[in-house]
Amino acid sequence: IYIGGGASLGGNFHFEAGFVIADQLRIGYGYDYPFNTIGPVGGSTH
């Protein structure tokens, strides 16, 4: 199991999480949300 996060100078927040099966198959999910002028209009990224 892993988790992660971060941000960019452009005002984006990043989140990620995932898990590893049998030490070989890695399945991950990433989420972005922009905290700038496009945020409320553009919405999130998956």
ModelCIF file with pLDDT and N, C-alpha, C, O atoms, coordinates in Angstrom:
data_MODEL
#
_entry.id   MODEL 
#
_entity.id                         1 
_entity.type                       polymer 
_entity.pdbx_number_of_molecules   1 
#
_entity_poly.entity_id                      1 
_entity_poly.type                           'polypeptide(L)' 
_entity_poly.nstd_linkage                   no 
_entity_poly.nstd_monomer                   no 
_entity_poly.pdbx_seq_one_letter_code       IYIGGGASLGGNFHFEAGFVIADQLRIGYGYDYPFNTIGPVGGSTH 
_entity_poly.pdbx_seq_one_letter_code_can   IYIGGGASLGGNFHFEAGFVIADQLRIGYGYDYPFNTIGPVGGSTH 
_entity_poly.pdbx_strand_id                 A 
#
loop_
_entity_poly_seq.entity_id 
_entity_poly_seq.num 
_entity_poly_seq.mon_id 
_entity_poly_seq.hetero 
1 1  ILE n 
1 2  TYR n 
1 3  ILE n 
1 4  GLY n 
1 5  GLY n 
1 6  GLY n 
1 7  ALA n 
1 8  SER n 
1 9  LEU n 
1 10 GLY n 
1 11 GLY n 
1 12 ASN n 
1 13 PHE n 
1 14 HIS n 
1 15 PHE n 
1 16 GLU n 
1 17 ALA n 
1 18 GLY n 
1 19 PHE n 
1 20 VAL n 
1 21 ILE n 
1 22 ALA n 
1 23 ASP n 
1 24 GLN n 
1 25 LEU n 
1 26 ARG n 
1 27 ILE n 
1 28 GLY n 
1 29 TYR n 
1 30 GLY n 
1 31 TYR n 
1 32 ASP n 
1 33 TYR n 
1 34 PRO n 
1 35 PHE n 
1 36 ASN n 
1 37 THR n 
1 38 ILE n 
1 39 GLY n 
1 40 PRO n 
1 41 VAL n 
1 42 GLY n 
1 43 GLY n 
1 44 SER n 
1 45 THR n 
1 46 HIS n 
#
_struct_asym.id          A 
_struct_asym.entity_id   1 
#
loop_
_ma_qa_metric.id 
_ma_qa_metric.mode 
_ma_qa_metric.name 
_ma_qa_metric.software_group_id 
_ma_qa_metric.type 
1 global pLDDT . pLDDT 
2 local  pLDDT . pLDDT 
#
_ma_qa_metric_global.metric_id      1 
_ma_qa_metric_global.metric_value   89.78 
_ma_qa_metric_global.model_id       1 
_ma_qa_metric_global.ordinal_id     1 
#
loop_
_ma_qa_metric_local.label_asym_id 
_ma_qa_metric_local.label_comp_id 
_ma_qa_metric_local.label_seq_id 
_ma_qa_metric_local.metric_id 
_ma_qa_metric_local.metric_value 
_ma_qa_metric_local.model_id 
_ma_qa_metric_local.ordinal_id 
A ILE 1  2 96.00 1 1  
A TYR 2  2 97.00 1 2  
A ILE 3  2 98.00 1 3  
A GLY 4  2 97.00 1 4  
A GLY 5  2 97.00 1 5  
A GLY 6  2 96.00 1 6  
A ALA 7  2 95.00 1 7  
A SER 8  2 92.00 1 8  
A LEU 9  2 88.00 1 9  
A GLY 10 2 82.00 1 10 
A GLY 11 2 86.00 1 11 
A ASN 12 2 89.00 1 12 
A PHE 13 2 93.00 1 13 
A HIS 14 2 95.00 1 14 
A PHE 15 2 96.00 1 15 
A GLU 16 2 97.00 1 16 
A ALA 17 2 98.00 1 17 
A GLY 18 2 97.00 1 18 
A PHE 19 2 95.00 1 19 
A VAL 20 2 95.00 1 20 
A ILE 21 2 95.00 1 21 
A ALA 22 2 92.00 1 22 
A ASP 23 2 90.00 1 23 
A GLN 24 2 95.00 1 24 
A LEU 25 2 96.00 1 25 
A ARG 26 2 96.00 1 26 
A ILE 27 2 97.00 1 27 
A GLY 28 2 97.00 1 28 
A TYR 29 2 98.00 1 29 
A GLY 30 2 97.00 1 30 
A TYR 31 2 96.00 1 31 
A ASP 32 2 93.00 1 32 
A TYR 33 2 91.00 1 33 
A PRO 34 2 87.00 1 34 
A PHE 35 2 84.00 1 35 
A ASN 36 2 75.00 1 36 
A THR 37 2 64.00 1 37 
A ILE 38 2 68.00 1 38 
A GLY 39 2 65.00 1 39 
A PRO 40 2 69.00 1 40 
A VAL 41 2 69.00 1 41 
A GLY 42 2 75.00 1 42 
A GLY 43 2 82.00 1 43 
A SER 44 2 90.00 1 44 
A THR 45 2 94.00 1 45 
A HIS 46 2 96.00 1 46 
#
loop_
_atom_site.group_PDB 
_atom_site.id 
_atom_site.type_symbol 
_atom_site.label_atom_id 
_atom_site.label_alt_id 
_atom_site.label_comp_id 
_atom_site.label_asym_id 
_atom_site.label_entity_id 
_atom_site.label_seq_id 
_atom_site.pdbx_PDB_ins_code 
_atom_site.Cartn_x 
_atom_site.Cartn_y 
_atom_site.Cartn_z 
_atom_site.occupancy 
_atom_site.B_iso_or_equiv 
_atom_site.pdbx_formal_charge 
_atom_site.auth_seq_id 
_atom_site.auth_comp_id 
_atom_site.auth_asym_id 
_atom_site.auth_atom_id 
_atom_site.pdbx_PDB_model_num 
ATOM 1   N N  . ILE A 1 1  ? 0.839   -1.204  0.000   1.00 96.00 ? 1  ILE A N  1 
ATOM 2   C CA . ILE A 1 1  ? 0.000   0.000   0.000   1.00 96.00 ? 1  ILE A CA 1 
ATOM 3   C C  . ILE A 1 1  ? 0.877   1.259   0.000   1.00 96.00 ? 1  ILE A C  1 
ATOM 4   O O  . ILE A 1 1  ? 1.887   1.327   0.701   1.00 96.00 ? 1  ILE A O  1 
ATOM 5   N N  . TYR A 1 2  ? 0.472   2.250   -0.797  1.00 97.00 ? 2  TYR A N  1 
ATOM 6   C CA . TYR A 1 2  ? 1.162   3.541   -0.773  1.00 97.00 ? 2  TYR A CA 1 
ATOM 7   C C  . TYR A 1 2  ? 0.150   4.674   -0.894  1.00 97.00 ? 2  TYR A C  1 
ATOM 8   O O  . TYR A 1 2  ? -0.946  4.503   -1.427  1.00 97.00 ? 2  TYR A O  1 
ATOM 9   N N  . ILE A 1 3  ? 0.549   5.836   -0.382  1.00 98.00 ? 3  ILE A N  1 
ATOM 10  C CA . ILE A 1 3  ? -0.231  7.062   -0.511  1.00 98.00 ? 3  ILE A CA 1 
ATOM 11  C C  . ILE A 1 3  ? 0.735   8.196   -0.854  1.00 98.00 ? 3  ILE A C  1 
ATOM 12  O O  . ILE A 1 3  ? 1.945   8.072   -0.664  1.00 98.00 ? 3  ILE A O  1 
ATOM 13  N N  . GLY A 1 4  ? 0.192   9.291   -1.357  1.00 97.00 ? 4  GLY A N  1 
ATOM 14  C CA . GLY A 1 4  ? 1.043   10.411  -1.691  1.00 97.00 ? 4  GLY A CA 1 
ATOM 15  C C  . GLY A 1 4  ? 0.243   11.685  -1.863  1.00 97.00 ? 4  GLY A C  1 
ATOM 16  O O  . GLY A 1 4  ? -0.985  11.660  -1.942  1.00 97.00 ? 4  GLY A O  1 
ATOM 17  N N  . GLY A 1 5  ? 0.946   12.786  -1.921  1.00 97.00 ? 5  GLY A N  1 
ATOM 18  C CA . GLY A 1 5  ? 0.302   14.076  -2.115  1.00 97.00 ? 5  GLY A CA 1 
ATOM 19  C C  . GLY A 1 5  ? 1.311   15.116  -2.525  1.00 97.00 ? 5  GLY A C  1 
ATOM 20  O O  . GLY A 1 5  ? 2.520   14.889  -2.474  1.00 97.00 ? 5  GLY A O  1 
ATOM 21  N N  . GLY A 1 6  ? 0.801   16.263  -2.933  1.00 96.00 ? 6  GLY A N  1 
ATOM 22  C CA . GLY A 1 6  ? 1.688   17.342  -3.341  1.00 96.00 ? 6  GLY A CA 1 
ATOM 23  C C  . GLY A 1 6  ? 0.909   18.526  -3.859  1.00 96.00 ? 6  GLY A C  1 
ATOM 24  O O  . GLY A 1 6  ? -0.317  18.580  -3.762  1.00 96.00 ? 6  GLY A O  1 
ATOM 25  N N  . ALA A 1 7  ? 1.645   19.479  -4.414  1.00 95.00 ? 7  ALA A N  1 
ATOM 26  C CA . ALA A 1 7  ? 1.040   20.703  -4.926  1.00 95.00 ? 7  ALA A CA 1 
ATOM 27  C C  . ALA A 1 7  ? 1.945   21.287  -5.992  1.00 95.00 ? 7  ALA A C  1 
ATOM 28  O O  . ALA A 1 7  ? 3.112   20.913  -6.104  1.00 95.00 ? 7  ALA A O  1 
ATOM 29  N N  . SER A 1 8  ? 1.398   22.207  -6.773  1.00 92.00 ? 8  SER A N  1 
ATOM 30  C CA . SER A 1 8  ? 2.172   22.885  -7.811  1.00 92.00 ? 8  SER A CA 1 
ATOM 31  C C  . SER A 1 8  ? 2.108   24.380  -7.601  1.00 92.00 ? 8  SER A C  1 
ATOM 32  O O  . SER A 1 8  ? 1.231   24.882  -6.899  1.00 92.00 ? 8  SER A O  1 
ATOM 33  N N  . LEU A 1 9  ? 3.045   25.093  -8.215  1.00 88.00 ? 9  LEU A N  1 
ATOM 34  C CA . LEU A 1 9  ? 3.051   26.550  -8.121  1.00 88.00 ? 9  LEU A CA 1 
ATOM 35  C C  . LEU A 1 9  ? 1.834   27.157  -8.794  1.00 88.00 ? 9  LEU A C  1 
ATOM 36  O O  . LEU A 1 9  ? 1.465   28.296  -8.507  1.00 88.00 ? 9  LEU A O  1 
ATOM 37  N N  . GLY A 1 10 ? 1.203   26.399  -9.694  1.00 82.00 ? 10 GLY A N  1 
ATOM 38  C CA . GLY A 1 10 ? 0.013   26.899  -10.372 1.00 82.00 ? 10 GLY A CA 1 
ATOM 39  C C  . GLY A 1 10 ? -1.259  26.802  -9.554  1.00 82.00 ? 10 GLY A C  1 
ATOM 40  O O  . GLY A 1 10 ? -2.333  27.173  -10.028 1.00 82.00 ? 10 GLY A O  1 
ATOM 41  N N  . GLY A 1 11 ? -1.147  26.298  -8.315  1.00 86.00 ? 11 GLY A N  1 
ATOM 42  C CA . GLY A 1 11 ? -2.311  26.227  -7.452  1.00 86.00 ? 11 GLY A CA 1 
ATOM 43  C C  . GLY A 1 11 ? -3.080  24.937  -7.543  1.00 86.00 ? 11 GLY A C  1 
ATOM 44  O O  . GLY A 1 11 ? -4.284  24.917  -7.285  1.00 86.00 ? 11 GLY A O  1 
ATOM 45  N N  . ASN A 1 12 ? -2.404  23.833  -7.912  1.00 89.00 ? 12 ASN A N  1 
ATOM 46  C CA . ASN A 1 12 ? -3.050  22.528  -7.975  1.00 89.00 ? 12 ASN A CA 1 
ATOM 47  C C  . ASN A 1 12 ? -2.652  21.676  -6.775  1.00 89.00 ? 12 ASN A C  1 
ATOM 48  O O  . ASN A 1 12 ? -1.493  21.671  -6.361  1.00 89.00 ? 12 ASN A O  1 
ATOM 49  N N  . PHE A 1 13 ? -3.619  20.962  -6.226  1.00 93.00 ? 13 PHE A N  1 
ATOM 50  C CA . PHE A 1 13 ? -3.366  19.984  -5.169  1.00 93.00 ? 13 PHE A CA 1 
ATOM 51  C C  . PHE A 1 13 ? -3.433  18.591  -5.766  1.00 93.00 ? 13 PHE A C  1 
ATOM 52  O O  . PHE A 1 13 ? -4.335  18.294  -6.549  1.00 93.00 ? 13 PHE A O  1 
ATOM 53  N N  . HIS A 1 14 ? -2.475  17.721  -5.398  1.00 95.00 ? 14 HIS A N  1 
ATOM 54  C CA . HIS A 1 14 ? -2.427  16.367  -5.910  1.00 95.00 ? 14 HIS A CA 1 
ATOM 55  C C  . HIS A 1 14 ? -2.591  15.369  -4.764  1.00 95.00 ? 14 HIS A C  1 
ATOM 56  O O  . HIS A 1 14 ? -2.078  15.572  -3.664  1.00 95.00 ? 14 HIS A O  1 
ATOM 57  N N  . PHE A 1 15 ? -3.310  14.299  -5.048  1.00 96.00 ? 15 PHE A N  1 
ATOM 58  C CA . PHE A 1 15 ? -3.407  13.178  -4.113  1.00 96.00 ? 15 PHE A CA 1 
ATOM 59  C C  . PHE A 1 15 ? -3.322  11.882  -4.905  1.00 96.00 ? 15 PHE A C  1 
ATOM 60  O O  . PHE A 1 15 ? -3.873  11.786  -6.001  1.00 96.00 ? 15 PHE A O  1 
ATOM 61  N N  . GLU A 1 16 ? -2.639  10.893  -4.360  1.00 97.00 ? 16 GLU A N  1 
ATOM 62  C CA . GLU A 1 16 ? -2.566  9.599   -5.024  1.00 97.00 ? 16 GLU A CA 1 
ATOM 63  C C  . GLU A 1 16 ? -2.546  8.488   -3.991  1.00 97.00 ? 16 GLU A C  1 
ATOM 64  O O  . GLU A 1 16 ? -2.105  8.680   -2.858  1.00 97.00 ? 16 GLU A O  1 
ATOM 65  N N  . ALA A 1 17 ? -3.022  7.339   -4.393  1.00 98.00 ? 17 ALA A N  1 
ATOM 66  C CA . ALA A 1 17 ? -3.025  6.157   -3.532  1.00 98.00 ? 17 ALA A CA 1 
ATOM 67  C C  . ALA A 1 17 ? -3.040  4.933   -4.424  1.00 98.00 ? 17 ALA A C  1 
ATOM 68  O O  . ALA A 1 17 ? -3.499  4.979   -5.566  1.00 98.00 ? 17 ALA A O  1 
ATOM 69  N N  . GLY A 1 18 ? -2.531  3.837   -3.884  1.00 97.00 ? 18 GLY A N  1 
ATOM 70  C CA . GLY A 1 18 ? -2.527  2.617   -4.675  1.00 97.00 ? 18 GLY A CA 1 
ATOM 71  C C  . GLY A 1 18 ? -2.095  1.426   -3.863  1.00 97.00 ? 18 GLY A C  1 
ATOM 72  O O  . GLY A 1 18 ? -1.746  1.538   -2.688  1.00 97.00 ? 18 GLY A O  1 
ATOM 73  N N  . PHE A 1 19 ? -2.124  0.287   -4.512  1.00 95.00 ? 19 PHE A N  1 
ATOM 74  C CA . PHE A 1 19 ? -1.693  -0.928  -3.848  1.00 95.00 ? 19 PHE A CA 1 
ATOM 75  C C  . PHE A 1 19 ? -0.998  -1.837  -4.852  1.00 95.00 ? 19 PHE A C  1 
ATOM 76  O O  . PHE A 1 19 ? -1.191  -1.723  -6.062  1.00 95.00 ? 19 PHE A O  1 
ATOM 77  N N  . VAL A 1 20 ? -0.190  -2.737  -4.321  1.00 95.00 ? 20 VAL A N  1 
ATOM 78  C CA . VAL A 1 20 ? 0.620   -3.644  -5.119  1.00 95.00 ? 20 VAL A CA 1 
ATOM 79  C C  . VAL A 1 20 ? 0.161   -5.072  -4.842  1.00 95.00 ? 20 VAL A C  1 
ATOM 80  O O  . VAL A 1 20 ? 0.015   -5.477  -3.689  1.00 95.00 ? 20 VAL A O  1 
ATOM 81  N N  . ILE A 1 21 ? -0.065  -5.829  -5.915  1.00 95.00 ? 21 ILE A N  1 
ATOM 82  C CA . ILE A 1 21 ? -0.514  -7.213  -5.804  1.00 95.00 ? 21 ILE A CA 1 
ATOM 83  C C  . ILE A 1 21 ? 0.630   -8.138  -6.209  1.00 95.00 ? 21 ILE A C  1 
ATOM 84  O O  . ILE A 1 21 ? 1.193   -8.013  -7.297  1.00 95.00 ? 21 ILE A O  1 
ATOM 85  N N  . ALA A 1 22 ? 0.967   -9.072  -5.312  1.00 92.00 ? 22 ALA A N  1 
ATOM 86  C CA . ALA A 1 22 ? 1.995   -10.083 -5.590  1.00 92.00 ? 22 ALA A CA 1 
ATOM 87  C C  . ALA A 1 22 ? 3.323   -9.460  -5.992  1.00 92.00 ? 22 ALA A C  1 
ATOM 88  O O  . ALA A 1 22 ? 4.094   -10.067 -6.735  1.00 92.00 ? 22 ALA A O  1 
ATOM 89  N N  . ASP A 1 23 ? 3.596   -8.250  -5.506  1.00 90.00 ? 23 ASP A N  1 
ATOM 90  C CA . ASP A 1 23 ? 4.867   -7.571  -5.732  1.00 90.00 ? 23 ASP A CA 1 
ATOM 91  C C  . ASP A 1 23 ? 5.113   -7.220  -7.207  1.00 90.00 ? 23 ASP A C  1 
ATOM 92  O O  . ASP A 1 23 ? 6.222   -6.831  -7.572  1.00 90.00 ? 23 ASP A O  1 
ATOM 93  N N  . GLN A 1 24 ? 4.074   -7.355  -8.064  1.00 95.00 ? 24 GLN A N  1 
ATOM 94  C CA . GLN A 1 24 ? 4.283   -7.120  -9.488  1.00 95.00 ? 24 GLN A CA 1 
ATOM 95  C C  . GLN A 1 24 ? 3.247   -6.197  -10.125 1.00 95.00 ? 24 GLN A C  1 
ATOM 96  O O  . GLN A 1 24 ? 3.595   -5.380  -10.978 1.00 95.00 ? 24 GLN A O  1 
ATOM 97  N N  . LEU A 1 25 ? 1.991   -6.313  -9.727  1.00 96.00 ? 25 LEU A N  1 
ATOM 98  C CA . LEU A 1 25 ? 0.929   -5.503  -10.323 1.00 96.00 ? 25 LEU A CA 1 
ATOM 99  C C  . LEU A 1 25 ? 0.632   -4.311  -9.418  1.00 96.00 ? 25 LEU A C  1 
ATOM 100 O O  . LEU A 1 25 ? 0.235   -4.479  -8.265  1.00 96.00 ? 25 LEU A O  1 
ATOM 101 N N  . ARG A 1 26 ? 0.829   -3.106  -9.952  1.00 96.00 ? 26 ARG A N  1 
ATOM 102 C CA . ARG A 1 26 ? 0.593   -1.877  -9.196  1.00 96.00 ? 26 ARG A CA 1 
ATOM 103 C C  . ARG A 1 26 ? -0.620  -1.150  -9.780  1.00 96.00 ? 26 ARG A C  1 
ATOM 104 O O  . ARG A 1 26 ? -0.658  -0.844  -10.971 1.00 96.00 ? 26 ARG A O  1 
ATOM 105 N N  . ILE A 1 27 ? -1.607  -0.881  -8.928  1.00 97.00 ? 27 ILE A N  1 
ATOM 106 C CA . ILE A 1 27 ? -2.825  -0.182  -9.335  1.00 97.00 ? 27 ILE A CA 1 
ATOM 107 C C  . ILE A 1 27 ? -2.884  1.143   -8.579  1.00 97.00 ? 27 ILE A C  1 
ATOM 108 O O  . ILE A 1 27 ? -2.868  1.155   -7.348  1.00 97.00 ? 27 ILE A O  1 
ATOM 109 N N  . GLY A 1 28 ? -2.952  2.254   -9.302  1.00 97.00 ? 28 GLY A N  1 
ATOM 110 C CA . GLY A 1 28 ? -2.906  3.557   -8.664  1.00 97.00 ? 28 GLY A CA 1 
ATOM 111 C C  . GLY A 1 28 ? -4.035  4.471   -9.090  1.00 97.00 ? 28 GLY A C  1 
ATOM 112 O O  . GLY A 1 28 ? -4.575  4.353   -10.189 1.00 97.00 ? 28 GLY A O  1 
ATOM 113 N N  . TYR A 1 29 ? -4.377  5.379   -8.205  1.00 98.00 ? 29 TYR A N  1 
ATOM 114 C CA . TYR A 1 29 ? -5.395  6.401   -8.483  1.00 98.00 ? 29 TYR A CA 1 
ATOM 115 C C  . TYR A 1 29 ? -4.818  7.768   -8.133  1.00 98.00 ? 29 TYR A C  1 
ATOM 116 O O  . TYR A 1 29 ? -4.231  7.947   -7.065  1.00 98.00 ? 29 TYR A O  1 
ATOM 117 N N  . GLY A 1 30 ? -4.987  8.732   -9.037  1.00 97.00 ? 30 GLY A N  1 
ATOM 118 C CA . GLY A 1 30 ? -4.536  10.090  -8.806  1.00 97.00 ? 30 GLY A CA 1 
ATOM 119 C C  . GLY A 1 30 ? -5.687  11.076  -8.893  1.00 97.00 ? 30 GLY A C  1 
ATOM 120 O O  . GLY A 1 30 ? -6.601  10.916  -9.702  1.00 97.00 ? 30 GLY A O  1 
ATOM 121 N N  . TYR A 1 31 ? -5.632  12.102  -8.047  1.00 96.00 ? 31 TYR A N  1 
ATOM 122 C CA . TYR A 1 31 ? -6.689  13.121  -7.993  1.00 96.00 ? 31 TYR A CA 1 
ATOM 123 C C  . TYR A 1 31 ? -6.038  14.496  -7.958  1.00 96.00 ? 31 TYR A C  1 
ATOM 124 O O  . TYR A 1 31 ? -5.099  14.730  -7.197  1.00 96.00 ? 31 TYR A O  1 
ATOM 125 N N  . ASP A 1 32 ? -6.541  15.401  -8.785  1.00 93.00 ? 32 ASP A N  1 
ATOM 126 C CA . ASP A 1 32 ? -6.077  16.795  -8.803  1.00 93.00 ? 32 ASP A CA 1 
ATOM 127 C C  . ASP A 1 32 ? -7.259  17.720  -8.585  1.00 93.00 ? 32 ASP A C  1 
ATOM 128 O O  . ASP A 1 32 ? -8.368  17.452  -9.047  1.00 93.00 ? 32 ASP A O  1 
ATOM 129 N N  . TYR A 1 33 ? -7.011  18.812  -7.875  1.00 91.00 ? 33 TYR A N  1 
ATOM 130 C CA . TYR A 1 33 ? -8.011  19.877  -7.812  1.00 91.00 ? 33 TYR A CA 1 
ATOM 131 C C  . TYR A 1 33 ? -7.281  21.210  -7.870  1.00 91.00 ? 33 TYR A C  1 
ATOM 132 O O  . TYR A 1 33 ? -6.380  21.444  -7.064  1.00 91.00 ? 33 TYR A O  1 
ATOM 133 N N  . PRO A 1 34 ? -7.643  22.094  -8.801  1.00 87.00 ? 34 PRO A N  1 
ATOM 134 C CA . PRO A 1 34 ? -6.971  23.387  -8.931  1.00 87.00 ? 34 PRO A CA 1 
ATOM 135 C C  . PRO A 1 34 ? -7.587  24.450  -8.012  1.00 87.00 ? 34 PRO A C  1 
ATOM 136 O O  . PRO A 1 34 ? -8.772  24.763  -8.125  1.00 87.00 ? 34 PRO A O  1 
ATOM 137 N N  . PHE A 1 35 ? -6.785  24.995  -7.116  1.00 84.00 ? 35 PHE A N  1 
ATOM 138 C CA . PHE A 1 35 ? -7.240  26.086  -6.258  1.00 84.00 ? 35 PHE A CA 1 
ATOM 139 C C  . PHE A 1 35 ? -6.874  27.422  -6.903  1.00 84.00 ? 35 PHE A C  1 
ATOM 140 O O  . PHE A 1 35 ? -6.101  28.207  -6.355  1.00 84.00 ? 35 PHE A O  1 
ATOM 141 N N  . ASN A 1 36 ? -7.447  27.652  -8.070  1.00 75.00 ? 36 ASN A N  1 
ATOM 142 C CA . ASN A 1 36 ? -7.233  28.906  -8.780  1.00 75.00 ? 36 ASN A CA 1 
ATOM 143 C C  . ASN A 1 36 ? -8.526  29.267  -9.491  1.00 75.00 ? 36 ASN A C  1 
ATOM 144 O O  . ASN A 1 36 ? -9.586  28.739  -9.157  1.00 75.00 ? 36 ASN A O  1 
ATOM 145 N N  . THR A 1 37 ? -8.447  30.162  -10.468 1.00 64.00 ? 37 THR A N  1 
ATOM 146 C CA . THR A 1 37 ? -9.671  30.665  -11.101 1.00 64.00 ? 37 THR A CA 1 
ATOM 147 C C  . THR A 1 37 ? -10.447 29.581  -11.837 1.00 64.00 ? 37 THR A C  1 
ATOM 148 O O  . THR A 1 37 ? -11.666 29.678  -11.973 1.00 64.00 ? 37 THR A O  1 
ATOM 149 N N  . ILE A 1 38 ? -9.745  28.537  -12.319 1.00 68.00 ? 38 ILE A N  1 
ATOM 150 C CA . ILE A 1 38 ? -10.455 27.492  -13.052 1.00 68.00 ? 38 ILE A CA 1 
ATOM 151 C C  . ILE A 1 38 ? -11.061 26.463  -12.112 1.00 68.00 ? 38 ILE A C  1 
ATOM 152 O O  . ILE A 1 38 ? -11.921 25.689  -12.533 1.00 68.00 ? 38 ILE A O  1 
ATOM 153 N N  . GLY A 1 39 ? -10.634 26.430  -10.831 1.00 65.00 ? 39 GLY A N  1 
ATOM 154 C CA . GLY A 1 39 ? -11.065 25.394  -9.902  1.00 65.00 ? 39 GLY A CA 1 
ATOM 155 C C  . GLY A 1 39 ? -12.568 25.182  -9.813  1.00 65.00 ? 39 GLY A C  1 
ATOM 156 O O  . GLY A 1 39 ? -13.038 24.088  -10.124 1.00 65.00 ? 39 GLY A O  1 
ATOM 157 N N  . PRO A 1 40 ? -13.342 26.182  -9.401  1.00 69.00 ? 40 PRO A N  1 
ATOM 158 C CA . PRO A 1 40 ? -14.787 25.970  -9.272  1.00 69.00 ? 40 PRO A CA 1 
ATOM 159 C C  . PRO A 1 40 ? -15.474 25.650  -10.596 1.00 69.00 ? 40 PRO A C  1 
ATOM 160 O O  . PRO A 1 40 ? -16.489 24.953  -10.614 1.00 69.00 ? 40 PRO A O  1 
ATOM 161 N N  . VAL A 1 41 ? -14.927 26.156  -11.710 1.00 69.00 ? 41 VAL A N  1 
ATOM 162 C CA . VAL A 1 41 ? -15.537 25.932  -13.020 1.00 69.00 ? 41 VAL A CA 1 
ATOM 163 C C  . VAL A 1 41 ? -15.064 24.615  -13.616 1.00 69.00 ? 41 VAL A C  1 
ATOM 164 O O  . VAL A 1 41 ? -15.867 23.804  -14.078 1.00 69.00 ? 41 VAL A O  1 
ATOM 165 N N  . GLY A 1 42 ? -13.753 24.414  -13.601 1.00 75.00 ? 42 GLY A N  1 
ATOM 166 C CA . GLY A 1 42 ? -13.191 23.234  -14.246 1.00 75.00 ? 42 GLY A CA 1 
ATOM 167 C C  . GLY A 1 42 ? -13.387 21.957  -13.459 1.00 75.00 ? 42 GLY A C  1 
ATOM 168 O O  . GLY A 1 42 ? -13.535 20.885  -14.045 1.00 75.00 ? 42 GLY A O  1 
ATOM 169 N N  . GLY A 1 43 ? -13.391 22.055  -12.144 1.00 82.00 ? 43 GLY A N  1 
ATOM 170 C CA . GLY A 1 43 ? -13.568 20.864  -11.337 1.00 82.00 ? 43 GLY A CA 1 
ATOM 171 C C  . GLY A 1 43 ? -12.307 20.034  -11.222 1.00 82.00 ? 43 GLY A C  1 
ATOM 172 O O  . GLY A 1 43 ? -11.213 20.510  -11.526 1.00 82.00 ? 43 GLY A O  1 
ATOM 173 N N  . SER A 1 44 ? -12.453 18.810  -10.789 1.00 90.00 ? 44 SER A N  1 
ATOM 174 C CA . SER A 1 44 ? -11.321 17.964  -10.435 1.00 90.00 ? 44 SER A CA 1 
ATOM 175 C C  . SER A 1 44 ? -10.844 17.135  -11.625 1.00 90.00 ? 44 SER A C  1 
ATOM 176 O O  . SER A 1 44 ? -11.462 17.109  -12.690 1.00 90.00 ? 44 SER A O  1 
ATOM 177 N N  . THR A 1 45 ? -9.710  16.457  -11.395 1.00 94.00 ? 45 THR A N  1 
ATOM 178 C CA . THR A 1 45 ? -9.107  15.572  -12.382 1.00 94.00 ? 45 THR A CA 1 
ATOM 179 C C  . THR A 1 45 ? -8.919  14.202  -11.755 1.00 94.00 ? 45 THR A C  1 
ATOM 180 O O  . THR A 1 45 ? -8.518  14.097  -10.596 1.00 94.00 ? 45 THR A O  1 
ATOM 181 N N  . HIS A 1 46 ? -9.206  13.150  -12.517 1.00 96.00 ? 46 HIS A N  1 
ATOM 182 C CA . HIS A 1 46 ? -9.080  11.779  -12.019 1.00 96.00 ? 46 HIS A CA 1 
ATOM 183 C C  . HIS A 1 46 ? -8.189  10.983  -12.968 1.00 96.00 ? 46 HIS A C  1 
ATOM 184 O O  . HIS A 1 46 ? -7.947  9.798   -12.739 1.00 96.00 ? 46 HIS A O  1 
#
